[in-house]
Amino acid sequence: MAMNYTLKNIPDEIYKKIKLRARRHRRSVNSEIIAILGEVTTPRRVSPEEFLARADELRARTKGFLTEEFLKKVKREGLL
């Protein structure tokens, strides 16, 4: 069953971004908001291959494992 809902006090910057996104997708602002809500409320299934590829990418970016010592150091330095 469909439902009506009114959004109030949308900040200008957010509205502008939604409006631009709607234009790119050739949708109304209302349809774009519904699409966004659908995206964020529907879990995305990730294949094991995708999961492992993402893990490899993150591992490469962090140059290995994060140790307790490293985490304490960056916390002391205010970087985390």
PDB file of N, CA and C in Angstrom:
ATOM      1  N   MET A   1       0.834  -1.171   0.000  1.00  0.00           N
ATOM      2  CA  MET A   1       0.000   0.000   0.000  1.00  0.00           C
ATOM      3  C   MET A   1       0.884   1.242   0.000  1.00  0.00           C
ATOM      4  N   ALA A   2       0.622   2.146  -0.894  1.00  0.00           N
ATOM      5  CA  ALA A   2       1.368   3.401  -0.967  1.00  0.00           C
ATOM      6  C   ALA A   2       0.905   4.333   0.145  1.00  0.00           C
ATOM      7  N   MET A   3       1.809   5.229   0.537  1.00  0.00           N
ATOM      8  CA  MET A   3       1.503   6.152   1.622  1.00  0.00           C
ATOM      9  C   MET A   3       1.986   7.538   1.242  1.00  0.00           C
ATOM     10  N   ASN A   4       1.297   8.559   1.685  1.00  0.00           N
ATOM     11  CA  ASN A   4       1.725   9.940   1.457  1.00  0.00           C
ATOM     12  C   ASN A   4       2.464  10.442   2.686  1.00  0.00           C
ATOM     13  N   TYR A   5       3.521  11.222   2.447  1.00  0.00           N
ATOM     14  CA  TYR A   5       4.307  11.788   3.530  1.00  0.00           C
ATOM     15  C   TYR A   5       4.847  13.126   3.059  1.00  0.00           C
ATOM     16  N   THR A   6       4.843  14.122   3.920  1.00  0.00           N
ATOM     17  CA  THR A   6       5.336  15.450   3.564  1.00  0.00           C
ATOM     18  C   THR A   6       6.649  15.715   4.291  1.00  0.00           C
ATOM     19  N   LEU A   7       7.658  16.130   3.545  1.00  0.00           N
ATOM     20  CA  LEU A   7       8.932  16.536   4.141  1.00  0.00           C
ATOM     21  C   LEU A   7       8.909  18.045   4.324  1.00  0.00           C
ATOM     22  N   LYS A   8       9.338  18.490   5.486  1.00  0.00           N
ATOM     23  CA  LYS A   8       9.362  19.925   5.769  1.00  0.00           C
ATOM     24  C   LYS A   8      10.773  20.337   6.144  1.00  0.00           C
ATOM     25  N   ASN A   9      11.069  21.598   5.901  1.00  0.00           N
ATOM     26  CA  ASN A   9      12.339  22.206   6.311  1.00  0.00           C
ATOM     27  C   ASN A   9      13.564  21.488   5.757  1.00  0.00           C
ATOM     28  N   ILE A  10      13.512  21.112   4.491  1.00  0.00           N
ATOM     29  CA  ILE A  10      14.673  20.500   3.845  1.00  0.00           C
ATOM     30  C   ILE A  10      15.708  21.605   3.632  1.00  0.00           C
ATOM     31  N   PRO A  11      16.914  21.442   4.125  1.00  0.00           N
ATOM     32  CA  PRO A  11      17.942  22.461   3.912  1.00  0.00           C
ATOM     33  C   PRO A  11      18.174  22.692   2.412  1.00  0.00           C
ATOM     34  N   ASP A  12      18.420  23.952   2.062  1.00  0.00           N
ATOM     35  CA  ASP A  12      18.593  24.325   0.654  1.00  0.00           C
ATOM     36  C   ASP A  12      19.645  23.480  -0.053  1.00  0.00           C
ATOM     37  N   GLU A  13      20.775  23.243   0.595  1.00  0.00           N
ATOM     38  CA  GLU A  13      21.857  22.486  -0.045  1.00  0.00           C
ATOM     39  C   GLU A  13      21.427  21.059  -0.359  1.00  0.00           C
ATOM     40  N   ILE A  14      20.707  20.446   0.556  1.00  0.00           N
ATOM     41  CA  ILE A  14      20.234  19.079   0.313  1.00  0.00           C
ATOM     42  C   ILE A  14      19.222  19.074  -0.820  1.00  0.00           C
ATOM     43  N   TYR A  15      18.303  20.039  -0.807  1.00  0.00           N
ATOM     44  CA  TYR A  15      17.290  20.102  -1.862  1.00  0.00           C
ATOM     45  C   TYR A  15      17.943  20.293  -3.232  1.00  0.00           C
ATOM     46  N   LYS A  16      18.953  21.167  -3.298  1.00  0.00           N
ATOM     47  CA  LYS A  16      19.644  21.402  -4.574  1.00  0.00           C
ATOM     48  C   LYS A  16      20.299  20.118  -5.086  1.00  0.00           C
ATOM     49  N   LYS A  17      20.918  19.363  -4.176  1.00  0.00           N
ATOM     50  CA  LYS A  17      21.566  18.108  -4.575  1.00  0.00           C
ATOM     51  C   LYS A  17      20.544  17.089  -5.067  1.00  0.00           C
ATOM     52  N   ILE A  18      19.413  17.009  -4.380  1.00  0.00           N
ATOM     53  CA  ILE A  18      18.362  16.076  -4.808  1.00  0.00           C
ATOM     54  C   ILE A  18      17.809  16.499  -6.159  1.00  0.00           C
ATOM     55  N   LYS A  19      17.618  17.798  -6.337  1.00  0.00           N
ATOM     56  CA  LYS A  19      17.081  18.306  -7.602  1.00  0.00           C
ATOM     57  C   LYS A  19      18.036  18.001  -8.759  1.00  0.00           C
ATOM     58  N   LEU A  20      19.332  18.183  -8.549  1.00  0.00           N
ATOM     59  CA  LEU A  20      20.327  17.865  -9.580  1.00  0.00           C
ATOM     60  C   LEU A  20      20.338  16.372  -9.887  1.00  0.00           C
ATOM     61  N   ARG A  21      20.284  15.577  -8.840  1.00  0.00           N
ATOM     62  CA  ARG A  21      20.269  14.123  -9.024  1.00  0.00           C
ATOM     63  C   ARG A  21      19.018  13.690  -9.783  1.00  0.00           C
ATOM     64  N   ALA A  22      17.885  14.289  -9.450  1.00  0.00           N
ATOM     65  CA  ALA A  22      16.627  13.973 -10.144  1.00  0.00           C
ATOM     66  C   ALA A  22      16.734  14.331 -11.625  1.00  0.00           C
ATOM     67  N   ARG A  23      17.332  15.465 -11.908  1.00  0.00           N
ATOM     68  CA  ARG A  23      17.494  15.886 -13.304  1.00  0.00           C
ATOM     69  C   ARG A  23      18.372  14.893 -14.064  1.00  0.00           C
ATOM     70  N   ARG A  24      19.464  14.448 -13.432  1.00  0.00           N
ATOM     71  CA  ARG A  24      20.359  13.472 -14.077  1.00  0.00           C
ATOM     72  C   ARG A  24      19.641  12.163 -14.376  1.00  0.00           C
ATOM     73  N   HIS A  25      18.743  11.774 -13.489  1.00  0.00           N
ATOM     74  CA  HIS A  25      18.013  10.516 -13.664  1.00  0.00           C
ATOM     75  C   HIS A  25      16.687  10.692 -14.398  1.00  0.00           C
ATOM     76  N   ARG A  26      16.424  11.934 -14.817  1.00  0.00           N
ATOM     77  CA  ARG A  26      15.174  12.258 -15.531  1.00  0.00           C
ATOM     78  C   ARG A  26      13.943  11.845 -14.725  1.00  0.00           C
ATOM     79  N   ARG A  27      13.957  12.284 -13.457  1.00  0.00           N
ATOM     80  CA  ARG A  27      12.835  12.006 -12.566  1.00  0.00           C
ATOM     81  C   ARG A  27      12.404  13.298 -11.893  1.00  0.00           C
ATOM     82  N   SER A  28      11.215  13.273 -11.317  1.00  0.00           N
ATOM     83  CA  SER A  28      10.768  14.393 -10.489  1.00  0.00           C
ATOM     84  C   SER A  28      11.518  14.322  -9.160  1.00  0.00           C
ATOM     85  N   VAL A  29      11.504  15.417  -8.416  1.00  0.00           N
ATOM     86  CA  VAL A  29      12.146  15.424  -7.104  1.00  0.00           C
ATOM     87  C   VAL A  29      11.488  14.368  -6.215  1.00  0.00           C
ATOM     88  N   ASN A  30      10.169  14.283  -6.259  1.00  0.00           N
ATOM     89  CA  ASN A  30       9.452  13.289  -5.459  1.00  0.00           C
ATOM     90  C   ASN A  30       9.901  11.868  -5.815  1.00  0.00           C
ATOM     91  N   SER A  31       9.963  11.566  -7.097  1.00  0.00           N
ATOM     92  CA  SER A  31      10.391  10.230  -7.528  1.00  0.00           C
ATOM     93  C   SER A  31      11.835   9.955  -7.128  1.00  0.00           C
ATOM     94  N   GLU A  32      12.667  10.976  -7.166  1.00  0.00           N
ATOM     95  CA  GLU A  32      14.071  10.808  -6.776  1.00  0.00           C
ATOM     96  C   GLU A  32      14.181  10.494  -5.289  1.00  0.00           C
ATOM     97  N   ILE A  33      13.409  11.191  -4.471  1.00  0.00           N
ATOM     98  CA  ILE A  33      13.427  10.929  -3.027  1.00  0.00           C
ATOM     99  C   ILE A  33      12.967   9.502  -2.748  1.00  0.00           C
ATOM    100  N   ILE A  34      11.931   9.046  -3.447  1.00  0.00           N
ATOM    101  CA  ILE A  34      11.457   7.667  -3.280  1.00  0.00           C
ATOM    102  C   ILE A  34      12.552   6.680  -3.690  1.00  0.00           C
ATOM    103  N   ALA A  35      13.254   6.973  -4.790  1.00  0.00           N
ATOM    104  CA  ALA A  35      14.344   6.101  -5.245  1.00  0.00           C
ATOM    105  C   ALA A  35      15.474   6.058  -4.215  1.00  0.00           C
ATOM    106  N   ILE A  36      15.826   7.208  -3.661  1.00  0.00           N
ATOM    107  CA  ILE A  36      16.885   7.277  -2.645  1.00  0.00           C
ATOM    108  C   ILE A  36      16.480   6.465  -1.416  1.00  0.00           C
ATOM    109  N   LEU A  37      15.241   6.643  -0.967  1.00  0.00           N
ATOM    110  CA  LEU A  37      14.765   5.883   0.191  1.00  0.00           C
ATOM    111  C   LEU A  37      14.796   4.383  -0.089  1.00  0.00           C
ATOM    112  N   GLY A  38      14.442   4.003  -1.307  1.00  0.00           N
ATOM    113  CA  GLY A  38      14.503   2.590  -1.684  1.00  0.00           C
ATOM    114  C   GLY A  38      15.917   2.050  -1.641  1.00  0.00           C
ATOM    115  N   GLU A  39      16.884   2.850  -2.122  1.00  0.00           N
ATOM    116  CA  GLU A  39      18.290   2.423  -2.130  1.00  0.00           C
ATOM    117  C   GLU A  39      18.825   2.213  -0.720  1.00  0.00           C
ATOM    118  N   VAL A  40      18.524   3.162   0.168  1.00  0.00           N
ATOM    119  CA  VAL A  40      19.117   3.087   1.508  1.00  0.00           C
ATOM    120  C   VAL A  40      18.394   2.123   2.437  1.00  0.00           C
ATOM    121  N   THR A  41      17.200   1.682   2.065  1.00  0.00           N
ATOM    122  CA  THR A  41      16.472   0.750   2.929  1.00  0.00           C
ATOM    123  C   THR A  41      16.498  -0.684   2.414  1.00  0.00           C
ATOM    124  N   THR A  42      17.092  -0.909   1.255  1.00  0.00           N
ATOM    125  CA  THR A  42      17.180  -2.248   0.685  1.00  0.00           C
ATOM    126  C   THR A  42      18.610  -2.753   0.829  1.00  0.00           C
ATOM    127  N   PRO A  43      18.812  -3.838   1.577  1.00  0.00           N
ATOM    128  CA  PRO A  43      20.179  -4.343   1.723  1.00  0.00           C
ATOM    129  C   PRO A  43      20.739  -4.794   0.376  1.00  0.00           C
ATOM    130  N   ARG A  44      22.002  -4.478   0.159  1.00  0.00           N
ATOM    131  CA  ARG A  44      22.664  -4.848  -1.089  1.00  0.00           C
ATOM    132  C   ARG A  44      23.465  -6.116  -0.846  1.00  0.00           C
ATOM    133  N   ARG A  45      23.183  -7.145  -1.604  1.00  0.00           N
ATOM    134  CA  ARG A  45      23.909  -8.404  -1.477  1.00  0.00           C
ATOM    135  C   ARG A  45      25.253  -8.269  -2.184  1.00  0.00           C
ATOM    136  N   VAL A  46      26.300  -8.635  -1.489  1.00  0.00           N
ATOM    137  CA  VAL A  46      27.646  -8.563  -2.044  1.00  0.00           C
ATOM    138  C   VAL A  46      28.150  -9.990  -2.239  1.00  0.00           C
ATOM    139  N   SER A  47      28.647 -10.257  -3.427  1.00  0.00           N
ATOM    140  CA  SER A  47      29.186 -11.590  -3.697  1.00  0.00           C
ATOM    141  C   SER A  47      30.495 -11.771  -2.927  1.00  0.00           C
ATOM    142  N   PRO A  48      30.866 -13.008  -2.646  1.00  0.00           N
ATOM    143  CA  PRO A  48      32.147 -13.248  -1.966  1.00  0.00           C
ATOM    144  C   PRO A  48      33.329 -12.643  -2.732  1.00  0.00           C
ATOM    145  N   GLU A  49      33.257 -12.678  -4.056  1.00  0.00           N
ATOM    146  CA  GLU A  49      34.336 -12.113  -4.868  1.00  0.00           C
ATOM    147  C   GLU A  49      34.436 -10.601  -4.667  1.00  0.00           C
ATOM    148  N   GLU A  50      33.282  -9.922  -4.656  1.00  0.00           N
ATOM    149  CA  GLU A  50      33.268  -8.472  -4.421  1.00  0.00           C
ATOM    150  C   GLU A  50      33.815  -8.151  -3.037  1.00  0.00           C
ATOM    151  N   PHE A  51      33.384  -8.922  -2.040  1.00  0.00           N
ATOM    152  CA  PHE A  51      33.822  -8.704  -0.668  1.00  0.00           C
ATOM    153  C   PHE A  51      35.340  -8.834  -0.558  1.00  0.00           C
ATOM    154  N   LEU A  52      35.890  -9.888  -1.136  1.00  0.00           N
ATOM    155  CA  LEU A  52      37.336 -10.111  -1.074  1.00  0.00           C
ATOM    156  C   LEU A  52      38.101  -9.046  -1.850  1.00  0.00           C
ATOM    157  N   ALA A  53      37.563  -8.612  -2.987  1.00  0.00           N
ATOM    158  CA  ALA A  53      38.219  -7.558  -3.765  1.00  0.00           C
ATOM    159  C   ALA A  53      38.265  -6.261  -2.964  1.00  0.00           C
ATOM    160  N   ARG A  54      37.167  -5.940  -2.285  1.00  0.00           N
ATOM    161  CA  ARG A  54      37.122  -4.720  -1.462  1.00  0.00           C
ATOM    162  C   ARG A  54      38.095  -4.838  -0.289  1.00  0.00           C
ATOM    163  N   ALA A  55      38.169  -6.014   0.324  1.00  0.00           N
ATOM    164  CA  ALA A  55      39.110  -6.226   1.425  1.00  0.00           C
ATOM    165  C   ALA A  55      40.549  -6.057   0.942  1.00  0.00           C
ATOM    166  N   ASP A  56      40.861  -6.594  -0.236  1.00  0.00           N
ATOM    167  CA  ASP A  56      42.207  -6.442  -0.803  1.00  0.00           C
ATOM    168  C   ASP A  56      42.524  -4.975  -1.061  1.00  0.00           C
ATOM    169  N   GLU A  57      41.536  -4.249  -1.578  1.00  0.00           N
ATOM    170  CA  GLU A  57      41.730  -2.822  -1.856  1.00  0.00           C
ATOM    171  C   GLU A  57      42.003  -2.055  -0.562  1.00  0.00           C
ATOM    172  N   LEU A  58      41.220  -2.317   0.470  1.00  0.00           N
ATOM    173  CA  LEU A  58      41.430  -1.637   1.752  1.00  0.00           C
ATOM    174  C   LEU A  58      42.768  -2.021   2.373  1.00  0.00           C
ATOM    175  N   ARG A  59      43.137  -3.280   2.260  1.00  0.00           N
ATOM    176  CA  ARG A  59      44.413  -3.737   2.805  1.00  0.00           C
ATOM    177  C   ARG A  59      45.570  -3.028   2.099  1.00  0.00           C
ATOM    178  N   ALA A  60      45.462  -2.871   0.789  1.00  0.00           N
ATOM    179  CA  ALA A  60      46.511  -2.185   0.030  1.00  0.00           C
ATOM    180  C   ALA A  60      46.603  -0.718   0.439  1.00  0.00           C
ATOM    181  N   ARG A  61      45.448  -0.105   0.693  1.00  0.00           N
ATOM    182  CA  ARG A  61      45.447   1.306   1.086  1.00  0.00           C
ATOM    183  C   ARG A  61      46.001   1.522   2.484  1.00  0.00           C
ATOM    184  N   THR A  62      45.835   0.544   3.372  1.00  0.00           N
ATOM    185  CA  THR A  62      46.339   0.691   4.738  1.00  0.00           C
ATOM    186  C   THR A  62      47.721   0.076   4.909  1.00  0.00           C
ATOM    187  N   LYS A  63      48.252  -0.510   3.862  1.00  0.00           N
ATOM    188  CA  LYS A  63      49.593  -1.117   3.866  1.00  0.00           C
ATOM    189  C   LYS A  63      49.740  -2.163   4.967  1.00  0.00           C
ATOM    190  N   GLY A  64      48.754  -2.997   5.121  1.00  0.00           N
ATOM    191  CA  GLY A  64      48.848  -4.075   6.106  1.00  0.00           C
ATOM    192  C   GLY A  64      47.787  -3.964   7.176  1.00  0.00           C
ATOM    193  N   PHE A  65      48.037  -4.632   8.278  1.00  0.00           N
ATOM    194  CA  PHE A  65      47.062  -4.663   9.360  1.00  0.00           C
ATOM    195  C   PHE A  65      47.260  -3.492  10.310  1.00  0.00           C
ATOM    196  N   LEU A  66      46.184  -3.047  10.896  1.00  0.00           N
ATOM    197  CA  LEU A  66      46.251  -1.995  11.904  1.00  0.00           C
ATOM    198  C   LEU A  66      46.490  -2.652  13.255  1.00  0.00           C
ATOM    199  N   THR A  67      47.594  -2.288  13.877  1.00  0.00           N
ATOM    200  CA  THR A  67      47.911  -2.872  15.177  1.00  0.00           C
ATOM    201  C   THR A  67      47.365  -1.982  16.287  1.00  0.00           C
ATOM    202  N   GLU A  68      47.246  -2.556  17.470  1.00  0.00           N
ATOM    203  CA  GLU A  68      46.793  -1.799  18.641  1.00  0.00           C
ATOM    204  C   GLU A  68      47.747  -0.635  18.905  1.00  0.00           C
ATOM    205  N   GLU A  69      49.037  -0.891  18.751  1.00  0.00           N
ATOM    206  CA  GLU A  69      50.050   0.148  18.969  1.00  0.00           C
ATOM    207  C   GLU A  69      49.868   1.313  17.997  1.00  0.00           C
ATOM    208  N   PHE A  70      49.629   1.000  16.735  1.00  0.00           N
ATOM    209  CA  PHE A  70      49.428   2.044  15.733  1.00  0.00           C
ATOM    210  C   PHE A  70      48.183   2.868  16.060  1.00  0.00           C
ATOM    211  N   LEU A  71      47.093   2.203  16.431  1.00  0.00           N
ATOM    212  CA  LEU A  71      45.856   2.917  16.752  1.00  0.00           C
ATOM    213  C   LEU A  71      46.038   3.835  17.953  1.00  0.00           C
ATOM    214  N   LYS A  72      46.758   3.370  18.969  1.00  0.00           N
ATOM    215  CA  LYS A  72      47.027   4.215  20.138  1.00  0.00           C
ATOM    216  C   LYS A  72      47.842   5.439  19.738  1.00  0.00           C
ATOM    217  N   LYS A  73      48.824   5.228  18.858  1.00  0.00           N
ATOM    218  CA  LYS A  73      49.682   6.329  18.405  1.00  0.00           C
ATOM    219  C   LYS A  73      48.866   7.397  17.677  1.00  0.00           C
ATOM    220  N   VAL A  74      48.015   7.000  16.742  1.00  0.00           N
ATOM    221  CA  VAL A  74      47.252   8.002  15.992  1.00  0.00           C
ATOM    222  C   VAL A  74      46.221   8.689  16.879  1.00  0.00           C
ATOM    223  N   LYS A  75      45.710   7.980  17.883  1.00  0.00           N
ATOM    224  CA  LYS A  75      44.789   8.617  18.836  1.00  0.00           C
ATOM    225  C   LYS A  75      45.518   9.689  19.637  1.00  0.00           C
ATOM    226  N   ARG A  76      46.734   9.366  20.094  1.00  0.00           N
ATOM    227  CA  ARG A  76      47.532  10.343  20.850  1.00  0.00           C
ATOM    228  C   ARG A  76      47.818  11.575  20.010  1.00  0.00           C
ATOM    229  N   GLU A  77      48.046  11.365  18.718  1.00  0.00           N
ATOM    230  CA  GLU A  77      48.368  12.472  17.822  1.00  0.00           C
ATOM    231  C   GLU A  77      47.125  13.200  17.327  1.00  0.00           C
ATOM    232  N   GLY A  78      45.961  12.744  17.755  1.00  0.00           N
ATOM    233  CA  GLY A  78      44.720  13.405  17.370  1.00  0.00           C
ATOM    234  C   GLY A  78      44.282  13.129  15.949  1.00  0.00           C
ATOM    235  N   LEU A  79      44.774  12.050  15.370  1.00  0.00           N
ATOM    236  CA  LEU A  79      44.430  11.726  13.989  1.00  0.00           C
ATOM    237  C   LEU A  79      43.258  10.762  13.889  1.00  0.00           C
ATOM    238  N   LEU A  80      42.786  10.284  15.012  1.00  0.00           N
ATOM    239  CA  LEU A  80      41.666   9.335  14.995  1.00  0.00           C
ATOM    240  C   LEU A  80      40.694   9.670  16.086  1.00  0.00           C
TER     241      LEU A  80
END
